[in-house]
Amino acid sequence: MAYLNENYFKLKAGYLFPEIARRVAAFTSENREAAARLIRCGIGDVTEALPLAAREAMKAAVDELGDRATFRGYGPEQGYSFLREAIAEHAYAPLGCKISAEEIFISDGSKCDTGNILDIFGSQNRIAITDPVYPVYVDTNVMCGHTGEADEGGAYGGLVYLPCLPSNGFVPALPLEKVDLIYLCYPNNPTGATASYEELSAWVSFARENQAIILFDAAYEAYITEPGVPHSIFEIEGAEECAIEFRSFSKHGGFTGVRCAYTVVPKNLMASSADGKRHRLHPLWARRQSTKFNGVSYPVQRAAEALFSPAGQAEVKALISHYLGNATLLREACVAAGLEVFGGINAPYIWVRCPEGVKSWELFDRMLQEANVVITPGAGFGAAGEGYFRISAFNSRANVEEVARRLAAMTW
């Protein structure tokens, strides 16, 4: 007899974005005319063309594979050295972070890595989750059996929820109870908030004092426009002793369909075994990757490397400027409609408070039916997300301008 992993039965309803897709599909099948007007500002998927520098590098790499003299088969599981060295030189050295190429692991996505990282941690860890939160952090812990059942509000037993609210700038207070693994994401998805040097320093100090580890998702760091906002947890002194950082080319270079990201596991980072001995995590993650992963394709890694070239950097800057310009328009439209708005300055997401007494899924349905615009209901990101909705700035300028007009035409 084959048995199931029954932890999957604990998962509530369905992953947020498939549920959005289900509702949108039902609406469009019944409203053909409205379906033609539909504008999607829900899922954070890029829309603009892949940078030319990346495309040219990818084409050249494919041509290399077409010649036996330059053909490559299996690549190194940790990633090709040319890409890891480019990341260390261009992404970390300018920030003053002493991250070496050997501490960088290339992967096919930060979403994958934030879930896969649990392979090297024990089930006895106490997990701290920000609320609202990117659903992957919660669901992967549920799947691994690190939680109890969910209550009526959707909160899982065994997780420590850290409320992120306007009152604390969407940066949670330090927990009053023991935690071992801490998920932080800044610039934040979904709220668009950032954490200051002082705030991140407090978390690093807490983690070091409690021998906890911060799982820091910096997928949106390239969208930081304001000075004085850290781009990496490793800008904080001592973070290399208590943090793992996840970064992605998805929103940085438009690689959502191309798939390339990287995770930094410092060589000084350690965790405990049941007997109390301390062990380095770097070799464990290296073993995990070499066992379960055959690496990102050579053409894709060459394309990612090209984003750090002068031409690539200019194109990435233009992409980010485009999406942040969209965010400004959407933010201004929501403010003009009399709504309370957060984010959209250092991140491609606008976090908006629902009108008084309106639930987030209720507003989702209303926006879909009345404005033919898809947004993301805040309740899908956790209990503290109820009463808010997220608008994604990943779209064409024409679509964003049309969404702004439709927002202005609605009765709030």
Protein backbone atom coordinates (compact mmCIF):
# COMPACT_ATOMS: atom_id res chain seq x y z
CA MET A 1 0.00 0.00 0.00
CA ALA A 2 1.27 3.49 -0.87
CA TYR A 3 0.68 6.21 1.71
CA LEU A 4 0.25 9.94 1.23
CA ASN A 5 1.99 12.84 2.90
CA GLU A 6 -1.09 13.85 4.88
CA ASN A 7 0.35 17.25 5.70
CA TYR A 8 -1.03 18.33 2.32
CA PHE A 9 -4.52 17.86 3.74
CA LYS A 10 -3.83 20.72 6.17
CA LEU A 11 -3.50 23.24 3.34
CA LYS A 12 -6.41 25.65 3.27
CA ALA A 13 -8.61 25.98 0.15
CA GLY A 14 -5.82 26.23 -2.40
CA TYR A 15 -2.77 28.30 -3.12
CA LEU A 16 -3.78 31.95 -3.43
CA PHE A 17 -3.02 32.48 -7.12
CA PRO A 18 -4.77 29.34 -8.42
CA GLU A 19 -7.86 30.49 -6.50
CA ILE A 20 -7.63 33.88 -8.21
CA ALA A 21 -7.28 32.12 -11.57
CA ARG A 22 -10.34 29.97 -10.81
CA ARG A 23 -12.50 33.01 -10.06
CA VAL A 24 -11.26 34.89 -13.09
CA ALA A 25 -11.91 31.87 -15.34
CA ALA A 26 -15.46 31.55 -14.01
CA PHE A 27 -16.10 35.26 -14.59
CA THR A 28 -14.71 35.34 -18.13
CA SER A 29 -16.61 32.24 -19.21
CA GLU A 30 -19.87 33.95 -18.25
CA ASN A 31 -18.95 37.46 -19.46
CA ARG A 32 -17.36 37.26 -22.89
CA GLU A 33 -17.52 41.00 -23.53
CA ALA A 34 -16.02 41.91 -20.17
CA ALA A 35 -13.33 39.26 -20.65
CA ALA A 36 -11.97 41.23 -23.60
CA ARG A 37 -11.53 44.27 -21.33
CA LEU A 38 -9.86 42.34 -18.51
CA ILE A 39 -6.62 43.79 -17.14
CA ARG A 40 -4.58 41.66 -14.75
CA CYS A 41 -2.87 43.47 -11.87
CA GLY A 42 -2.87 40.48 -9.54
CA ILE A 43 0.01 38.07 -9.90
CA GLY A 44 3.46 39.67 -9.91
CA ASP A 45 4.48 38.53 -13.39
CA VAL A 46 6.56 40.80 -15.63
CA THR A 47 5.23 41.90 -19.00
CA GLU A 48 8.02 43.72 -20.84
CA ALA A 49 10.52 42.21 -23.28
CA LEU A 50 13.63 40.44 -22.05
CA PRO A 51 16.66 42.77 -22.13
CA LEU A 52 18.58 42.65 -25.41
CA ALA A 53 21.87 41.98 -23.62
CA ALA A 54 20.39 38.84 -22.09
CA ARG A 55 18.87 37.69 -25.39
CA GLU A 56 22.13 38.14 -27.28
CA ALA A 57 24.09 36.29 -24.61
CA MET A 58 21.58 33.46 -24.65
CA LYS A 59 21.75 33.17 -28.44
CA ALA A 60 25.53 33.10 -28.37
CA ALA A 61 25.45 30.39 -25.71
CA VAL A 62 23.05 28.29 -27.79
CA ASP A 63 25.45 28.59 -30.73
CA GLU A 64 28.25 27.35 -28.46
CA LEU A 65 26.15 24.29 -27.74
CA GLY A 66 25.80 23.76 -31.48
CA ASP A 67 29.54 23.24 -31.89
CA ARG A 68 31.16 20.08 -30.51
CA ALA A 69 34.31 22.05 -29.59
CA THR A 70 32.36 24.40 -27.29
CA PHE A 71 29.47 22.13 -26.31
CA ARG A 72 28.68 21.77 -22.60
CA GLY A 73 26.71 19.03 -20.87
CA TYR A 74 26.02 18.92 -17.15
CA GLY A 75 27.11 22.11 -15.45
CA PRO A 76 28.23 22.54 -11.83
CA GLU A 77 25.26 22.18 -9.47
CA GLN A 78 26.26 25.32 -7.58
CA GLY A 79 26.31 27.32 -10.82
CA TYR A 80 28.99 28.34 -13.28
CA SER A 81 31.80 30.36 -11.74
CA PHE A 82 31.41 33.15 -14.31
CA LEU A 83 27.93 33.95 -12.98
CA ARG A 84 28.72 33.51 -9.30
CA GLU A 85 31.76 35.77 -9.64
CA ALA A 86 29.71 38.39 -11.48
CA ILE A 87 27.13 38.38 -8.69
CA ALA A 88 29.77 38.73 -5.99
CA GLU A 89 31.45 41.58 -7.87
CA HIS A 90 28.39 43.55 -8.99
CA ALA A 91 25.61 42.72 -6.51
CA TYR A 92 27.50 42.52 -3.21
CA ALA A 93 30.91 44.21 -3.41
CA PRO A 94 29.41 47.67 -4.14
CA LEU A 95 27.36 47.34 -0.93
CA GLY A 96 30.45 46.55 1.11
CA CYS A 97 29.27 42.96 1.65
CA LYS A 98 32.08 40.42 1.86
CA ILE A 99 30.25 37.66 -0.01
CA SER A 100 32.43 35.33 -2.05
CA ALA A 101 31.47 33.46 -5.20
CA GLU A 102 31.83 30.20 -3.24
CA GLU A 103 28.93 31.27 -0.99
CA ILE A 104 26.55 31.82 -3.92
CA PHE A 105 24.33 29.02 -5.27
CA ILE A 106 22.57 29.49 -8.63
CA SER A 107 19.03 28.09 -8.87
CA ASP A 108 15.91 28.23 -11.02
CA GLY A 109 13.97 30.52 -8.67
CA SER A 110 13.78 32.10 -5.24
CA LYS A 111 10.32 30.62 -4.77
CA CYS A 112 11.90 27.18 -5.13
CA ASP A 113 14.79 27.98 -2.82
CA THR A 114 12.68 29.43 0.00
CA GLY A 115 10.83 26.14 0.07
CA ASN A 116 13.75 23.82 -0.62
CA ILE A 117 15.90 25.37 2.11
CA LEU A 118 13.73 23.52 4.63
CA ASP A 119 15.41 20.29 3.52
CA ILE A 120 18.46 21.14 5.65
CA PHE A 121 16.54 22.18 8.78
CA GLY A 122 14.99 19.93 11.42
CA SER A 123 11.28 19.64 12.10
CA GLN A 124 11.77 20.75 15.73
CA ASN A 125 12.46 24.36 14.72
CA ARG A 126 10.06 27.05 15.85
CA ILE A 127 9.13 29.07 12.73
CA ALA A 128 8.39 32.83 12.76
CA ILE A 129 6.34 34.17 9.86
CA THR A 130 5.46 37.77 9.10
CA ASP A 131 1.74 38.45 8.64
CA PRO A 132 0.77 39.34 5.91
CA VAL A 133 3.20 36.99 4.19
CA TYR A 134 4.17 35.55 0.82
CA PRO A 135 2.11 32.29 0.97
CA VAL A 136 4.99 30.04 -0.11
CA TYR A 137 6.73 30.47 3.26
CA VAL A 138 3.70 29.13 5.11
CA ASP A 139 2.56 26.44 2.70
CA THR A 140 5.97 24.80 2.36
CA ASN A 141 6.27 24.52 6.14
CA VAL A 142 2.82 22.95 6.24
CA MET A 143 3.82 20.45 3.54
CA CYS A 144 6.95 19.51 5.51
CA GLY A 145 4.96 18.84 8.66
CA HIS A 146 6.32 21.79 10.62
CA THR A 147 2.85 23.01 11.65
CA GLY A 148 -0.34 21.88 13.26
CA GLU A 149 -3.80 22.30 11.79
CA ALA A 150 -5.14 25.69 10.71
CA ASP A 151 -7.77 27.43 12.81
CA GLU A 152 -10.91 29.08 11.44
CA GLY A 153 -8.93 32.21 10.64
CA GLY A 154 -6.37 30.25 8.63
CA ALA A 155 -3.53 30.50 11.20
CA TYR A 156 -1.53 27.31 11.63
CA GLY A 157 -0.61 25.87 14.99
CA GLY A 158 3.12 25.77 15.57
CA LEU A 159 3.89 28.95 13.63
CA VAL A 160 4.69 32.22 15.36
CA TYR A 161 2.91 35.02 13.50
CA LEU A 162 4.51 38.47 13.51
CA PRO A 163 1.90 41.14 12.67
CA CYS A 164 2.98 43.74 10.08
CA LEU A 165 0.69 46.74 10.31
CA PRO A 166 0.69 50.45 9.43
CA SER A 167 1.42 51.15 13.09
CA ASN A 168 4.83 49.42 12.87
CA GLY A 169 5.55 50.38 9.27
CA PHE A 170 4.94 46.75 8.26
CA VAL A 171 8.18 45.74 9.99
CA PRO A 172 7.30 43.39 12.89
CA ALA A 173 8.40 43.71 16.47
CA LEU A 174 10.88 41.17 17.79
CA PRO A 175 9.11 38.05 19.12
CA LEU A 176 8.72 37.62 22.85
CA GLU A 177 9.01 33.85 22.58
CA LYS A 178 11.71 31.51 21.32
CA VAL A 179 11.95 31.13 17.54
CA ASP A 180 14.59 29.38 15.45
CA LEU A 181 13.85 30.29 11.83
CA ILE A 182 12.64 33.77 10.87
CA TYR A 183 11.26 34.69 7.44
CA LEU A 184 11.80 38.33 6.46
CA CYS A 185 11.13 39.84 3.03
CA TYR A 186 12.20 43.42 2.23
CA PRO A 187 11.24 45.26 0.11
CA ASN A 188 8.16 43.44 1.23
CA ASN A 189 5.74 41.35 -0.75
CA PRO A 190 2.83 42.13 -0.45
CA THR A 191 2.97 45.50 1.38
CA GLY A 192 5.79 47.18 -0.56
CA ALA A 193 7.37 48.32 2.72
CA THR A 194 11.10 48.52 3.40
CA ALA A 195 13.12 47.87 6.55
CA SER A 196 15.73 50.36 7.77
CA TYR A 197 19.30 49.60 8.82
CA GLU A 198 18.24 50.06 12.43
CA GLU A 199 15.31 47.64 12.09
CA LEU A 200 17.35 44.96 10.35
CA SER A 201 20.19 45.44 12.85
CA ALA A 202 17.74 44.65 15.65
CA TRP A 203 16.74 41.42 13.90
CA VAL A 204 20.35 40.41 13.31
CA SER A 205 21.17 41.04 16.98
CA PHE A 206 18.14 39.00 18.04
CA ALA A 207 19.09 36.11 15.76
CA ARG A 208 22.69 36.05 16.96
CA GLU A 209 21.70 36.20 20.62
CA ASN A 210 19.21 33.33 20.18
CA GLN A 211 21.19 31.25 17.67
CA ALA A 212 18.29 31.70 15.25
CA ILE A 213 18.57 31.99 11.46
CA ILE A 214 16.98 34.67 9.30
CA LEU A 215 15.70 33.55 5.89
CA PHE A 216 15.88 36.87 4.06
CA ASP A 217 14.03 37.24 0.77
CA ALA A 218 15.51 40.18 -1.17
CA ALA A 219 13.84 39.43 -4.52
CA TYR A 220 12.79 43.09 -4.93
CA GLU A 221 15.97 44.84 -3.78
CA ALA A 222 16.57 46.35 -7.24
CA TYR A 223 13.41 48.46 -6.78
CA ILE A 224 14.81 50.40 -3.84
CA THR A 225 14.99 54.05 -4.92
CA GLU A 226 15.35 55.90 -1.62
CA PRO A 227 18.77 56.38 -0.01
CA GLY A 228 19.47 54.82 3.37
CA VAL A 229 17.52 51.62 2.68
CA PRO A 230 19.58 48.39 2.84
CA HIS A 231 19.57 46.22 -0.27
CA SER A 232 20.92 43.15 1.51
CA ILE A 233 20.80 41.65 4.99
CA PHE A 234 24.57 41.29 4.67
CA GLU A 235 24.96 45.05 4.88
CA ILE A 236 24.27 44.53 8.58
CA GLU A 237 27.33 43.61 10.63
CA GLY A 238 27.21 40.03 11.84
CA ALA A 239 24.49 38.91 9.42
CA GLU A 240 26.82 36.37 7.81
CA GLU A 241 26.61 34.47 11.11
CA CYS A 242 22.82 34.29 11.21
CA ALA A 243 21.25 34.77 7.76
CA ILE A 244 20.62 33.20 4.37
CA GLU A 245 19.65 35.53 1.52
CA PHE A 246 17.50 34.74 -1.51
CA ARG A 247 17.64 36.83 -4.67
CA SER A 248 16.14 36.47 -8.11
CA PHE A 249 16.56 37.66 -11.69
CA SER A 250 12.78 37.32 -12.19
CA LYS A 251 11.72 40.88 -11.33
CA HIS A 252 15.24 42.30 -11.71
CA GLY A 253 15.79 41.27 -15.33
CA GLY A 254 12.38 40.00 -16.42
CA PHE A 255 13.33 36.33 -15.97
CA THR A 256 10.02 35.01 -14.63
CA GLY A 257 9.77 32.64 -17.61
CA VAL A 258 13.51 32.18 -18.13
CA ARG A 259 14.10 31.06 -14.50
CA CYS A 260 17.28 32.03 -12.69
CA ALA A 261 17.97 33.07 -9.11
CA TYR A 262 20.57 32.63 -6.40
CA THR A 263 20.87 31.93 -2.71
CA VAL A 264 23.71 33.05 -0.46
CA VAL A 265 24.71 30.66 2.32
CA PRO A 266 27.70 32.13 4.19
CA LYS A 267 30.45 29.74 5.18
CA ASN A 268 30.34 31.05 8.77
CA LEU A 269 26.66 30.22 9.18
CA MET A 270 25.98 27.40 11.64
CA ALA A 271 23.08 25.52 13.21
CA SER A 272 22.81 22.88 15.93
CA SER A 273 22.27 19.15 15.81
CA ALA A 274 20.20 17.38 18.47
CA ASP A 275 23.32 16.74 20.56
CA GLY A 276 24.05 20.47 20.73
CA LYS A 277 27.01 20.44 18.36
CA ARG A 278 27.29 23.28 15.84
CA HIS A 279 27.58 22.49 12.14
CA ARG A 280 28.11 24.62 9.03
CA LEU A 281 25.11 24.94 6.72
CA HIS A 282 27.11 25.67 3.56
CA PRO A 283 28.18 22.03 2.94
CA LEU A 284 24.68 20.78 3.77
CA TRP A 285 23.07 23.06 1.19
CA ALA A 286 25.79 22.12 -1.31
CA ARG A 287 24.97 18.44 -0.72
CA ARG A 288 21.27 19.06 -1.05
CA GLN A 289 21.72 20.87 -4.36
CA SER A 290 24.14 18.34 -5.81
CA THR A 291 21.76 15.50 -4.88
CA LYS A 292 18.42 17.00 -5.95
CA PHE A 293 19.33 19.58 -8.58
CA ASN A 294 21.30 19.49 -11.83
CA GLY A 295 21.70 23.22 -12.17
CA VAL A 296 20.36 26.01 -14.36
CA SER A 297 21.02 25.70 -18.10
CA TYR A 298 24.17 27.21 -19.56
CA PRO A 299 22.36 29.67 -21.92
CA VAL A 300 20.25 31.00 -19.05
CA GLN A 301 23.29 31.54 -16.83
CA ARG A 302 25.05 33.39 -19.65
CA ALA A 303 21.94 35.55 -20.04
CA ALA A 304 21.96 36.32 -16.31
CA GLU A 305 25.65 37.19 -16.44
CA ALA A 306 24.94 39.65 -19.28
CA LEU A 307 22.60 41.65 -17.02
CA PHE A 308 25.71 42.80 -15.14
CA SER A 309 27.36 44.16 -18.31
CA PRO A 310 27.14 47.94 -18.90
CA ALA A 311 24.46 47.41 -21.55
CA GLY A 312 22.59 44.93 -19.36
CA GLN A 313 22.66 47.22 -16.35
CA ALA A 314 21.25 50.09 -18.42
CA GLU A 315 18.41 47.88 -19.69
CA VAL A 316 17.63 46.59 -16.21
CA LYS A 317 17.50 50.17 -14.94
CA ALA A 318 15.05 51.06 -17.70
CA LEU A 319 12.85 48.06 -16.90
CA ILE A 320 12.70 48.93 -13.23
CA SER A 321 12.02 52.58 -14.04
CA HIS A 322 9.10 51.49 -16.22
CA TYR A 323 7.50 49.36 -13.52
CA LEU A 324 8.09 51.96 -10.79
CA GLY A 325 6.51 54.55 -13.09
CA ASN A 326 3.48 52.28 -13.28
CA ALA A 327 3.49 52.00 -9.49
CA THR A 328 3.43 55.79 -9.17
CA LEU A 329 0.40 56.07 -11.46
CA LEU A 330 -1.49 53.34 -9.58
CA ARG A 331 -0.58 54.80 -6.22
CA GLU A 332 -1.75 58.27 -7.27
CA ALA A 333 -5.01 56.86 -8.67
CA CYS A 334 -5.79 55.10 -5.39
CA VAL A 335 -4.98 58.23 -3.37
CA ALA A 336 -7.21 60.31 -5.66
CA ALA A 337 -10.01 57.79 -5.04
CA GLY A 338 -9.72 58.50 -1.33
CA LEU A 339 -8.09 55.20 -0.42
CA GLU A 340 -5.30 54.72 2.13
CA VAL A 341 -2.21 53.56 0.25
CA PHE A 342 1.15 52.02 1.16
CA GLY A 343 4.12 50.82 -0.90
CA GLY A 344 4.73 51.58 -4.56
CA ILE A 345 7.88 53.63 -3.89
CA ASN A 346 10.63 51.07 -3.29
CA ALA A 347 8.66 48.10 -4.61
CA PRO A 348 6.40 47.24 -7.57
CA TYR A 349 3.40 46.61 -5.31
CA ILE A 350 0.76 48.97 -3.96
CA TRP A 351 -0.91 47.89 -0.72
CA VAL A 352 -4.33 49.50 -0.33
CA ARG A 353 -6.76 49.53 2.57
CA CYS A 354 -10.26 48.43 1.59
CA PRO A 355 -13.16 50.83 2.19
CA GLU A 356 -14.72 50.61 5.64
CA GLY A 357 -16.54 47.31 6.20
CA VAL A 358 -15.46 45.70 2.92
CA LYS A 359 -13.63 42.36 3.00
CA SER A 360 -10.73 41.78 0.63
CA TRP A 361 -12.26 38.89 -1.37
CA GLU A 362 -15.47 40.94 -1.60
CA LEU A 363 -13.46 43.79 -3.10
CA PHE A 364 -11.68 41.35 -5.42
CA ASP A 365 -15.02 40.24 -6.85
CA ARG A 366 -16.27 43.81 -7.11
CA MET A 367 -13.15 45.01 -8.95
CA LEU A 368 -13.42 42.03 -11.29
CA GLN A 369 -17.11 42.57 -12.07
CA GLU A 370 -17.33 46.37 -12.09
CA ALA A 371 -13.90 47.44 -13.36
CA ASN A 372 -12.78 44.20 -15.05
CA VAL A 373 -9.47 44.50 -13.17
CA VAL A 374 -7.78 41.63 -11.34
CA ILE A 375 -6.13 42.53 -8.02
CA THR A 376 -4.93 40.32 -5.16
CA PRO A 377 -7.05 40.13 -1.98
CA GLY A 378 -5.07 40.78 1.17
CA ALA A 379 -6.66 37.86 3.03
CA GLY A 380 -4.68 35.54 0.76
CA PHE A 381 -1.51 36.74 2.47
CA GLY A 382 -2.66 36.01 6.03
CA ALA A 383 -5.03 37.25 8.72
CA ALA A 384 -3.31 40.65 8.97
CA GLY A 385 -3.85 41.10 5.24
CA GLU A 386 -7.61 41.11 5.61
CA GLY A 387 -9.01 44.55 4.86
CA TYR A 388 -6.34 45.28 2.22
CA PHE A 389 -5.66 44.46 -1.41
CA ARG A 390 -2.50 44.43 -3.50
CA ILE A 391 -2.12 45.91 -6.97
CA SER A 392 0.83 44.83 -9.10
CA ALA A 393 2.64 47.40 -11.24
CA PHE A 394 3.88 44.73 -13.64
CA ASN A 395 2.06 45.74 -16.80
CA SER A 396 2.20 47.92 -19.88
CA ARG A 397 1.92 51.68 -19.39
CA ALA A 398 -1.27 51.76 -21.48
CA ASN A 399 -2.91 49.13 -19.27
CA VAL A 400 -1.89 50.93 -16.09
CA GLU A 401 -3.28 54.22 -17.37
CA GLU A 402 -6.55 52.45 -18.18
CA VAL A 403 -6.67 50.87 -14.71
CA ALA A 404 -6.18 54.34 -13.21
CA ARG A 405 -9.16 55.60 -15.20
CA ARG A 406 -11.32 52.68 -14.09
CA LEU A 407 -10.36 53.20 -10.44
CA ALA A 408 -11.40 56.85 -10.75
CA ALA A 409 -14.76 55.81 -12.25
CA MET A 410 -15.65 53.44 -9.39
CA THR A 411 -17.79 54.47 -6.45
CA TRP A 412 -15.77 53.87 -3.31
